[in-house]
C-alpha cells in the first residue's frame, strides 16, 4: 500500500490577500473554513451543504483553500487531516480571518 502523498503548501511569506479572499469567496469553501474554526478535522468529516456533490468537486474545493494558504491538508493514516492556518493568516493579515468568519455567521 502506498503512503499518502504530502501536498505542497505555500510558505507564510507567499500568502497573498487576493488568493485568500478568492478562496474564501465561494460559499462552500467558506463553510469548510468555518468547520475548521474550532480545530482540525478529518477530511471525511468535513461536509458540504449539498451531500450529493461529487468527491472530485470536494477535492477541488480543498485544493483551492490549500493553495491559497487557508488550510493545511496533511496525511493521517489512510485519511487526511485539515487544519485552518490561523497563525499564518493572522501573521500576514491581522484580523482578516476572524472578520470574514464572523461576518459569514454560523456554519
Protein backbone atom coordinates (compact mmCIF):
# COMPACT_ATOMS: atom_id res chain seq x y z
CA UNK A 1 0.00 0.00 0.00
CA UNK A 2 1.29 3.46 -0.93
CA UNK A 3 1.83 6.10 1.74
CA UNK A 4 -0.39 9.20 1.39
CA UNK A 5 1.21 11.95 -0.66
CA UNK A 6 2.49 15.11 1.03
CA UNK A 7 0.84 18.04 -0.71
CA UNK A 8 2.62 21.37 -1.29
CA UNK A 9 1.59 24.31 0.89
CA UNK A 10 2.66 27.92 0.37
CA UNK A 11 5.04 29.38 2.93
CA UNK A 12 3.67 32.14 5.17
CA UNK A 13 5.53 34.82 3.22
CA UNK A 14 3.95 33.57 -0.01
CA UNK A 15 0.36 34.08 1.14
CA UNK A 16 -1.40 36.82 -0.82
CA UNK A 17 -4.50 38.73 0.14
CA UNK A 18 -6.11 38.22 -3.25
CA UNK A 19 -5.66 34.42 -3.13
CA UNK A 20 -7.04 34.19 0.42
CA UNK A 21 -10.04 36.39 -0.41
CA UNK A 22 -10.71 34.41 -3.59
CA UNK A 23 -10.54 31.10 -1.71
CA UNK A 24 -12.99 32.33 0.91
CA UNK A 25 -15.35 33.96 -1.62
CA UNK A 26 -17.04 30.67 -2.51
CA UNK A 27 -19.81 29.67 -0.04
CA UNK A 28 -18.73 26.00 0.08
CA UNK A 29 -15.05 26.86 0.66
CA UNK A 30 -16.06 29.39 3.31
CA UNK A 31 -18.19 26.71 5.01
CA UNK A 32 -15.18 24.39 5.12
CA UNK A 33 -13.08 27.13 6.76
CA UNK A 34 -15.86 27.70 9.30
CA UNK A 35 -15.91 23.99 10.15
CA UNK A 36 -12.17 24.17 10.89
CA UNK A 37 -12.58 27.23 13.13
CA UNK A 38 -12.66 25.13 16.31
CA UNK A 39 -9.78 22.85 15.35
CA UNK A 40 -8.53 20.21 12.92
CA UNK A 41 -10.94 17.78 11.26
CA UNK A 42 -10.57 14.60 9.30
CA UNK A 43 -11.25 15.43 5.65
CA UNK A 44 -14.01 12.81 5.58
CA UNK A 45 -15.76 14.63 8.47
CA UNK A 46 -15.93 17.94 6.58
CA UNK A 47 -19.33 18.23 4.99
CA UNK A 48 -20.71 20.36 2.21
CA UNK A 49 -24.19 21.88 2.15
CA UNK A 50 -25.11 19.51 -0.68
CA UNK A 51 -24.21 15.90 0.20
CA UNK A 52 -24.57 14.91 -3.47
CA UNK A 53 -21.57 16.99 -4.56
CA UNK A 54 -19.08 14.72 -6.34
CA UNK A 55 -15.92 13.74 -4.48
CA UNK A 56 -13.87 15.44 -7.21
CA UNK A 57 -15.61 18.76 -6.53
CA UNK A 58 -14.95 18.46 -2.79
CA UNK A 59 -11.28 17.71 -3.57
CA UNK A 60 -11.10 20.78 -5.81
CA UNK A 61 -12.56 22.99 -3.05
CA UNK A 62 -9.89 21.69 -0.65
CA UNK A 63 -7.17 22.28 -3.26
CA UNK A 64 -8.15 25.94 -3.73
CA UNK A 65 -8.12 26.50 0.04
CA UNK A 66 -4.75 24.73 0.42
CA UNK A 67 -3.07 26.53 -2.49
CA UNK A 68 -4.27 29.89 -1.12
CA UNK A 69 -2.79 29.03 2.27
CA UNK A 70 -6.11 28.98 4.13
CA UNK A 71 -5.84 25.33 5.19
CA UNK A 72 -3.19 22.70 5.71
CA UNK A 73 -4.05 19.24 4.30
CA UNK A 74 -1.80 16.53 5.71
CA UNK A 75 -1.78 12.74 5.58
CA UNK A 76 -3.07 10.90 8.65
CA UNK A 77 -3.03 7.14 8.17
CA UNK A 78 -5.39 6.33 5.31
CA UNK A 79 -7.12 9.71 5.60
CA UNK A 80 -6.19 13.37 5.68
CA UNK A 81 -6.39 15.98 8.42
CA UNK A 82 -7.44 19.54 7.58
CA UNK A 83 -6.28 22.44 9.71
CA UNK A 84 -7.05 26.14 9.41
CA UNK A 85 -3.77 28.06 9.06
CA UNK A 86 -4.89 30.65 11.59
CA UNK A 87 -1.40 31.55 12.87
CA UNK A 88 -0.02 32.14 9.37
CA UNK A 89 -3.08 34.09 8.22
CA UNK A 90 -3.13 36.24 11.38
CA UNK A 91 0.58 36.99 10.98
CA UNK A 92 0.15 38.08 7.35
CA UNK A 93 -3.31 39.69 7.57
CA UNK A 94 -4.14 40.53 11.21
CA UNK A 95 -7.84 40.17 11.98
CA UNK A 96 -8.85 39.18 8.44
CA UNK A 97 -9.79 35.57 9.14
CA UNK A 98 -11.89 36.37 12.21
CA UNK A 99 -13.60 39.24 10.38
CA UNK A 100 -14.58 37.02 7.46
CA UNK A 101 -15.67 34.04 9.57
CA UNK A 102 -17.64 36.27 11.98
CA UNK A 103 -19.35 38.12 9.11
CA UNK A 104 -20.33 34.82 7.50
CA UNK A 105 -22.20 33.73 10.60
CA UNK A 106 -22.65 30.18 11.85
CA UNK A 107 -21.66 27.37 9.51
